[in-house]
Amino acid sequence: MAHDRELRDNRLRWRIAIALGAAYIGLCLFGYVGTGVKAWWHTFTFNWERDHAPKQEQPSQSIPAPLAPLPELSPSTNFSPPAQPQDPDQIRREQEAKKKHDQDIYFAKLDVDRYQRAVEHGQTLIPELETKIADPNVSITDRRQLESYRDFQQKELTKNKENLRYAEEHLRSLEAEQ
């Protein structure tokens, strides 16, 4: 009787093991098929959007160019004939150059701001690390990690100070060009 019970338990264990193995293989196949379907769907939608997107038309060349600003006349100045109108391409190039210069100034100011914040962060973080290193309750391994992190932050602070100096010089040179 005990032997029959052990045989039934053993058969049940094997059935459970086979069912778990089949479930594992089924889940693996489900994941594999799911990632394949996902990749196919992304490719399909990308191609669909690319092929069926509305085409943007190029602006026609018949649009008149903006007129050059007229010189202001004051009563004390003698009337002189207006200067020759500039080439529309020349005006467009000048406007693009001014726009690019303004963007360069904007990005230079962003760089200066970013490096200033990085320097301030380094200048506040390094003293905090120094106080943690000086704490007698810190373990030796933690102290070594803090020291290496402090050294890294000091190198980064030096690099950020140099980058800040360069960004400020660059900004000054761009503003001087105006």
C-alpha atoms as a PDB file:
ATOM      1  CA  MET A   1       0.000   0.000   0.000  1.00  0.00           C
ATOM      2  CA  ALA A   2       2.797   2.427   0.885  1.00  0.00           C
ATOM      3  CA  HIS A   3       4.564   1.417  -2.308  1.00  0.00           C
ATOM      4  CA  ASP A   4       1.453   2.254  -4.403  1.00  0.00           C
ATOM      5  CA  ARG A   5       1.160   5.627  -2.713  1.00  0.00           C
ATOM      6  CA  GLU A   6       4.800   6.427  -3.519  1.00  0.00           C
ATOM      7  CA  LEU A   7       4.258   5.409  -7.158  1.00  0.00           C
ATOM      8  CA  ARG A   8       1.212   7.680  -7.429  1.00  0.00           C
ATOM      9  CA  ASP A   9       3.107  10.571  -5.803  1.00  0.00           C
ATOM     10  CA  ASN A  10       6.041   9.976  -8.117  1.00  0.00           C
ATOM     11  CA  ARG A  11       3.754   9.969 -11.196  1.00  0.00           C
ATOM     12  CA  LEU A  12       2.113  13.173  -9.974  1.00  0.00           C
ATOM     13  CA  ARG A  13       5.522  14.818  -9.515  1.00  0.00           C
ATOM     14  CA  TRP A  14       6.512  13.852 -13.038  1.00  0.00           C
ATOM     15  CA  ARG A  15       3.244  15.179 -14.460  1.00  0.00           C
ATOM     16  CA  ILE A  16       3.737  18.468 -12.597  1.00  0.00           C
ATOM     17  CA  ALA A  17       7.348  18.698 -13.826  1.00  0.00           C
ATOM     18  CA  ILE A  18       6.297  18.052 -17.429  1.00  0.00           C
ATOM     19  CA  ALA A  19       3.461  20.603 -17.140  1.00  0.00           C
ATOM     20  CA  LEU A  20       5.875  23.216 -15.749  1.00  0.00           C
ATOM     21  CA  GLY A  21       8.386  22.488 -18.529  1.00  0.00           C
ATOM     22  CA  ALA A  22       5.652  22.821 -21.158  1.00  0.00           C
ATOM     23  CA  ALA A  23       4.459  26.086 -19.576  1.00  0.00           C
ATOM     24  CA  TYR A  24       8.047  27.417 -19.568  1.00  0.00           C
ATOM     25  CA  ILE A  25       8.566  26.531 -23.228  1.00  0.00           C
ATOM     26  CA  GLY A  26       5.166  28.033 -24.074  1.00  0.00           C
ATOM     27  CA  LEU A  27       6.023  31.304 -22.328  1.00  0.00           C
ATOM     28  CA  CYS A  28       9.410  31.458 -24.079  1.00  0.00           C
ATOM     29  CA  LEU A  29       7.744  30.967 -27.463  1.00  0.00           C
ATOM     30  CA  PHE A  30       5.095  33.552 -26.580  1.00  0.00           C
ATOM     31  CA  GLY A  31       7.805  36.115 -25.746  1.00  0.00           C
ATOM     32  CA  TYR A  32       9.760  35.329 -28.909  1.00  0.00           C
ATOM     33  CA  VAL A  33       6.678  35.615 -31.123  1.00  0.00           C
ATOM     34  CA  GLY A  34       5.600  38.795 -29.282  1.00  0.00           C
ATOM     35  CA  THR A  35       8.915  40.558 -29.896  1.00  0.00           C
ATOM     36  CA  GLY A  36       8.822  39.493 -33.546  1.00  0.00           C
ATOM     37  CA  VAL A  37       5.305  40.849 -33.971  1.00  0.00           C
ATOM     38  CA  LYS A  38       6.297  44.083 -32.218  1.00  0.00           C
ATOM     39  CA  ALA A  39       9.288  44.574 -34.526  1.00  0.00           C
ATOM     40  CA  TRP A  40       7.132  43.819 -37.565  1.00  0.00           C
ATOM     41  CA  TRP A  41       4.480  46.300 -36.402  1.00  0.00           C
ATOM     42  CA  HIS A  42       7.023  49.097 -35.869  1.00  0.00           C
ATOM     43  CA  THR A  43       8.506  48.490 -39.311  1.00  0.00           C
ATOM     44  CA  PHE A  44       5.058  48.381 -40.882  1.00  0.00           C
ATOM     45  CA  THR A  45       3.880  51.630 -39.246  1.00  0.00           C
ATOM     46  CA  PHE A  46       7.163  53.395 -40.068  1.00  0.00           C
ATOM     47  CA  ASN A  47       6.860  52.431 -43.730  1.00  0.00           C
ATOM     48  CA  TRP A  48       3.156  53.318 -43.772  1.00  0.00           C
ATOM     49  CA  GLU A  49       3.773  56.782 -42.314  1.00  0.00           C
ATOM     50  CA  ARG A  50       6.659  57.390 -44.677  1.00  0.00           C
ATOM     51  CA  ASP A  51       4.692  56.307 -47.760  1.00  0.00           C
ATOM     52  CA  HIS A  52       1.358  57.906 -46.861  1.00  0.00           C
ATOM     53  CA  ALA A  53       2.459  61.122 -45.191  1.00  0.00           C
ATOM     54  CA  PRO A  54       1.273  64.291 -46.946  1.00  0.00           C
ATOM     55  CA  LYS A  55       4.032  65.764 -49.057  1.00  0.00           C
ATOM     56  CA  GLN A  56       5.227  69.208 -48.069  1.00  0.00           C
ATOM     57  CA  GLU A  57       5.452  71.533 -51.001  1.00  0.00           C
ATOM     58  CA  GLN A  58       8.516  73.624 -51.581  1.00  0.00           C
ATOM     59  CA  PRO A  59       7.843  77.371 -51.475  1.00  0.00           C
ATOM     60  CA  SER A  60       7.618  78.800 -54.943  1.00  0.00           C
ATOM     61  CA  GLN A  61      10.196  81.211 -56.223  1.00  0.00           C
ATOM     62  CA  SER A  62       7.513  83.740 -57.196  1.00  0.00           C
ATOM     63  CA  ILE A  63       7.270  85.094 -53.626  1.00  0.00           C
ATOM     64  CA  PRO A  64       8.581  88.647 -53.679  1.00  0.00           C
ATOM     65  CA  ALA A  65      11.613  89.351 -51.567  1.00  0.00           C
ATOM     66  CA  PRO A  66      11.215  91.716 -48.615  1.00  0.00           C
ATOM     67  CA  LEU A  67      12.029  95.298 -49.397  1.00  0.00           C
ATOM     68  CA  ALA A  68      15.074  96.944 -47.947  1.00  0.00           C
ATOM     69  CA  PRO A  69      14.260  99.413 -45.172  1.00  0.00           C
ATOM     70  CA  LEU A  70      14.074 103.011 -46.328  1.00  0.00           C
ATOM     71  CA  PRO A  71      16.577 105.445 -44.881  1.00  0.00           C
ATOM     72  CA  GLU A  72      15.012 107.859 -42.442  1.00  0.00           C
ATOM     73  CA  LEU A  73      15.025 111.466 -43.515  1.00  0.00           C
ATOM     74  CA  SER A  74      15.431 114.310 -41.116  1.00  0.00           C
ATOM     75  CA  PRO A  75      14.790 117.925 -42.023  1.00  0.00           C
ATOM     76  CA  SER A  76      18.465 118.777 -41.657  1.00  0.00           C
ATOM     77  CA  THR A  77      19.718 116.219 -44.160  1.00  0.00           C
ATOM     78  CA  ASN A  78      19.920 116.901 -47.832  1.00  0.00           C
ATOM     79  CA  PHE A  79      17.826 114.733 -50.046  1.00  0.00           C
ATOM     80  CA  SER A  80      19.920 112.257 -51.924  1.00  0.00           C
ATOM     81  CA  PRO A  81      18.739 109.601 -54.303  1.00  0.00           C
ATOM     82  CA  PRO A  82      18.056 106.269 -52.593  1.00  0.00           C
ATOM     83  CA  ALA A  83      20.783 103.698 -52.638  1.00  0.00           C
ATOM     84  CA  GLN A  84      20.636 100.969 -55.212  1.00  0.00           C
ATOM     85  CA  PRO A  85      18.326  98.174 -54.069  1.00  0.00           C
ATOM     86  CA  GLN A  86      20.210  95.199 -52.776  1.00  0.00           C
ATOM     87  CA  ASP A  87      19.977  91.789 -54.294  1.00  0.00           C
ATOM     88  CA  PRO A  88      17.192  89.728 -52.605  1.00  0.00           C
ATOM     89  CA  ASP A  89      19.614  86.846 -52.138  1.00  0.00           C
ATOM     90  CA  GLN A  90      22.049  89.199 -50.430  1.00  0.00           C
ATOM     91  CA  ILE A  91      19.306  90.398 -48.053  1.00  0.00           C
ATOM     92  CA  ARG A  92      18.286  86.816 -47.301  1.00  0.00           C
ATOM     93  CA  ARG A  93      21.908  85.834 -46.624  1.00  0.00           C
ATOM     94  CA  GLU A  94      22.334  88.797 -44.275  1.00  0.00           C
ATOM     95  CA  GLN A  95      19.142  87.891 -42.408  1.00  0.00           C
ATOM     96  CA  GLU A  96      20.253  84.259 -42.114  1.00  0.00           C
ATOM     97  CA  ALA A  97      23.689  85.359 -40.894  1.00  0.00           C
ATOM     98  CA  LYS A  98      22.090  87.599 -38.250  1.00  0.00           C
ATOM     99  CA  LYS A  99      19.745  84.806 -37.189  1.00  0.00           C
ATOM    100  CA  LYS A 100      22.671  82.364 -36.935  1.00  0.00           C
ATOM    101  CA  HIS A 101      24.673  84.900 -34.950  1.00  0.00           C
ATOM    102  CA  ASP A 102      21.762  85.393 -32.539  1.00  0.00           C
ATOM    103  CA  GLN A 103      21.472  81.619 -32.145  1.00  0.00           C
ATOM    104  CA  ASP A 104      25.206  81.360 -31.496  1.00  0.00           C
ATOM    105  CA  ILE A 105      24.902  83.977 -28.751  1.00  0.00           C
ATOM    106  CA  TYR A 106      21.917  82.147 -27.259  1.00  0.00           C
ATOM    107  CA  PHE A 107      23.766  78.817 -27.189  1.00  0.00           C
ATOM    108  CA  ALA A 108      26.885  80.465 -25.783  1.00  0.00           C
ATOM    109  CA  LYS A 109      24.781  81.907 -22.948  1.00  0.00           C
ATOM    110  CA  LEU A 110      23.354  78.432 -22.329  1.00  0.00           C
ATOM    111  CA  ASP A 111      26.883  77.007 -22.168  1.00  0.00           C
ATOM    112  CA  VAL A 112      27.967  79.700 -19.703  1.00  0.00           C
ATOM    113  CA  ASP A 113      24.915  78.998 -17.540  1.00  0.00           C
ATOM    114  CA  ARG A 114      25.462  75.223 -17.658  1.00  0.00           C
ATOM    115  CA  TYR A 115      29.131  75.512 -16.675  1.00  0.00           C
ATOM    116  CA  GLN A 116      28.333  78.004 -13.906  1.00  0.00           C
ATOM    117  CA  ARG A 117      25.836  75.556 -12.418  1.00  0.00           C
ATOM    118  CA  ALA A 118      28.361  72.707 -12.731  1.00  0.00           C
ATOM    119  CA  VAL A 119      31.042  74.769 -10.964  1.00  0.00           C
ATOM    120  CA  GLU A 120      28.625  75.736  -8.184  1.00  0.00           C
ATOM    121  CA  HIS A 121      27.609  72.101  -7.767  1.00  0.00           C
ATOM    122  CA  GLY A 122      31.229  70.989  -7.552  1.00  0.00           C
ATOM    123  CA  GLN A 123      32.071  73.737  -5.079  1.00  0.00           C
ATOM    124  CA  THR A 124      29.232  72.641  -2.770  1.00  0.00           C
ATOM    125  CA  LEU A 125      29.719  68.891  -3.216  1.00  0.00           C
ATOM    126  CA  ILE A 126      33.457  68.725  -2.486  1.00  0.00           C
ATOM    127  CA  PRO A 127      33.178  70.236   1.049  1.00  0.00           C
ATOM    128  CA  GLU A 128      30.319  67.832   1.805  1.00  0.00           C
ATOM    129  CA  LEU A 129      32.527  64.934   0.745  1.00  0.00           C
ATOM    130  CA  GLU A 130      35.365  66.293   2.888  1.00  0.00           C
ATOM    131  CA  THR A 131      33.118  66.321   5.964  1.00  0.00           C
ATOM    132  CA  LYS A 132      31.968  62.761   5.264  1.00  0.00           C
ATOM    133  CA  ILE A 133      35.579  61.625   4.867  1.00  0.00           C
ATOM    134  CA  ALA A 134      36.536  63.301   8.160  1.00  0.00           C
ATOM    135  CA  ASP A 135      33.696  61.520  10.005  1.00  0.00           C
ATOM    136  CA  PRO A 136      35.242  58.867  12.314  1.00  0.00           C
ATOM    137  CA  ASN A 137      32.165  56.630  11.984  1.00  0.00           C
ATOM    138  CA  VAL A 138      32.779  56.033   8.257  1.00  0.00           C
ATOM    139  CA  SER A 139      34.366  52.691   7.421  1.00  0.00           C
ATOM    140  CA  ILE A 140      37.708  52.492   5.676  1.00  0.00           C
ATOM    141  CA  THR A 141      36.223  51.139   2.446  1.00  0.00           C
ATOM    142  CA  ASP A 142      33.564  53.869   2.383  1.00  0.00           C
ATOM    143  CA  ARG A 143      36.245  56.473   3.107  1.00  0.00           C
ATOM    144  CA  ARG A 144      38.312  55.222   0.155  1.00  0.00           C
ATOM    145  CA  GLN A 145      35.280  55.369  -2.123  1.00  0.00           C
ATOM    146  CA  LEU A 146      34.478  58.881  -0.904  1.00  0.00           C
ATOM    147  CA  GLU A 147      38.086  59.954  -1.475  1.00  0.00           C
ATOM    148  CA  SER A 148      38.093  58.619  -5.034  1.00  0.00           C
ATOM    149  CA  TYR A 149      34.746  60.307  -5.688  1.00  0.00           C
ATOM    150  CA  ARG A 150      36.105  63.567  -4.218  1.00  0.00           C
ATOM    151  CA  ASP A 151      39.174  63.336  -6.479  1.00  0.00           C
ATOM    152  CA  PHE A 152      36.917  62.750  -9.475  1.00  0.00           C
ATOM    153  CA  GLN A 153      34.756  65.747  -8.529  1.00  0.00           C
ATOM    154  CA  GLN A 154      37.859  67.934  -8.162  1.00  0.00           C
ATOM    155  CA  LYS A 155      38.988  66.953 -11.657  1.00  0.00           C
ATOM    156  CA  GLU A 156      35.501  67.690 -12.991  1.00  0.00           C
ATOM    157  CA  LEU A 157      35.466  71.034 -11.163  1.00  0.00           C
ATOM    158  CA  THR A 158      38.772  71.998 -12.743  1.00  0.00           C
ATOM    159  CA  LYS A 159      37.525  70.958 -16.164  1.00  0.00           C
ATOM    160  CA  ASN A 160      34.240  72.848 -15.700  1.00  0.00           C
ATOM    161  CA  LYS A 161      36.084  76.001 -14.584  1.00  0.00           C
ATOM    162  CA  GLU A 162      38.205  75.829 -17.728  1.00  0.00           C
ATOM    163  CA  ASN A 163      35.137  75.246 -19.904  1.00  0.00           C
ATOM    164  CA  LEU A 164      33.369  78.156 -18.175  1.00  0.00           C
ATOM    165  CA  ARG A 165      36.301  80.451 -18.894  1.00  0.00           C
ATOM    166  CA  TYR A 166      36.306  79.364 -22.551  1.00  0.00           C
ATOM    167  CA  ALA A 167      32.506  79.781 -22.857  1.00  0.00           C
ATOM    168  CA  GLU A 168      32.658  83.282 -21.338  1.00  0.00           C
ATOM    169  CA  GLU A 169      35.436  84.281 -23.768  1.00  0.00           C
ATOM    170  CA  HIS A 170      33.426  82.864 -26.653  1.00  0.00           C
ATOM    171  CA  LEU A 171      30.321  84.769 -25.536  1.00  0.00           C
ATOM    172  CA  ARG A 172      32.303  88.006 -25.201  1.00  0.00           C
ATOM    173  CA  SER A 173      33.743  87.571 -28.705  1.00  0.00           C
ATOM    174  CA  LEU A 174      30.268  86.896 -30.157  1.00  0.00           C
ATOM    175  CA  GLU A 175      28.782  89.940 -28.411  1.00  0.00           C
ATOM    176  CA  ALA A 176      31.684  92.081 -29.609  1.00  0.00           C
ATOM    177  CA  GLU A 177      30.896  91.122 -33.206  1.00  0.00           C
ATOM    178  CA  GLN A 178      27.482  92.755 -32.976  1.00  0.00           C
END
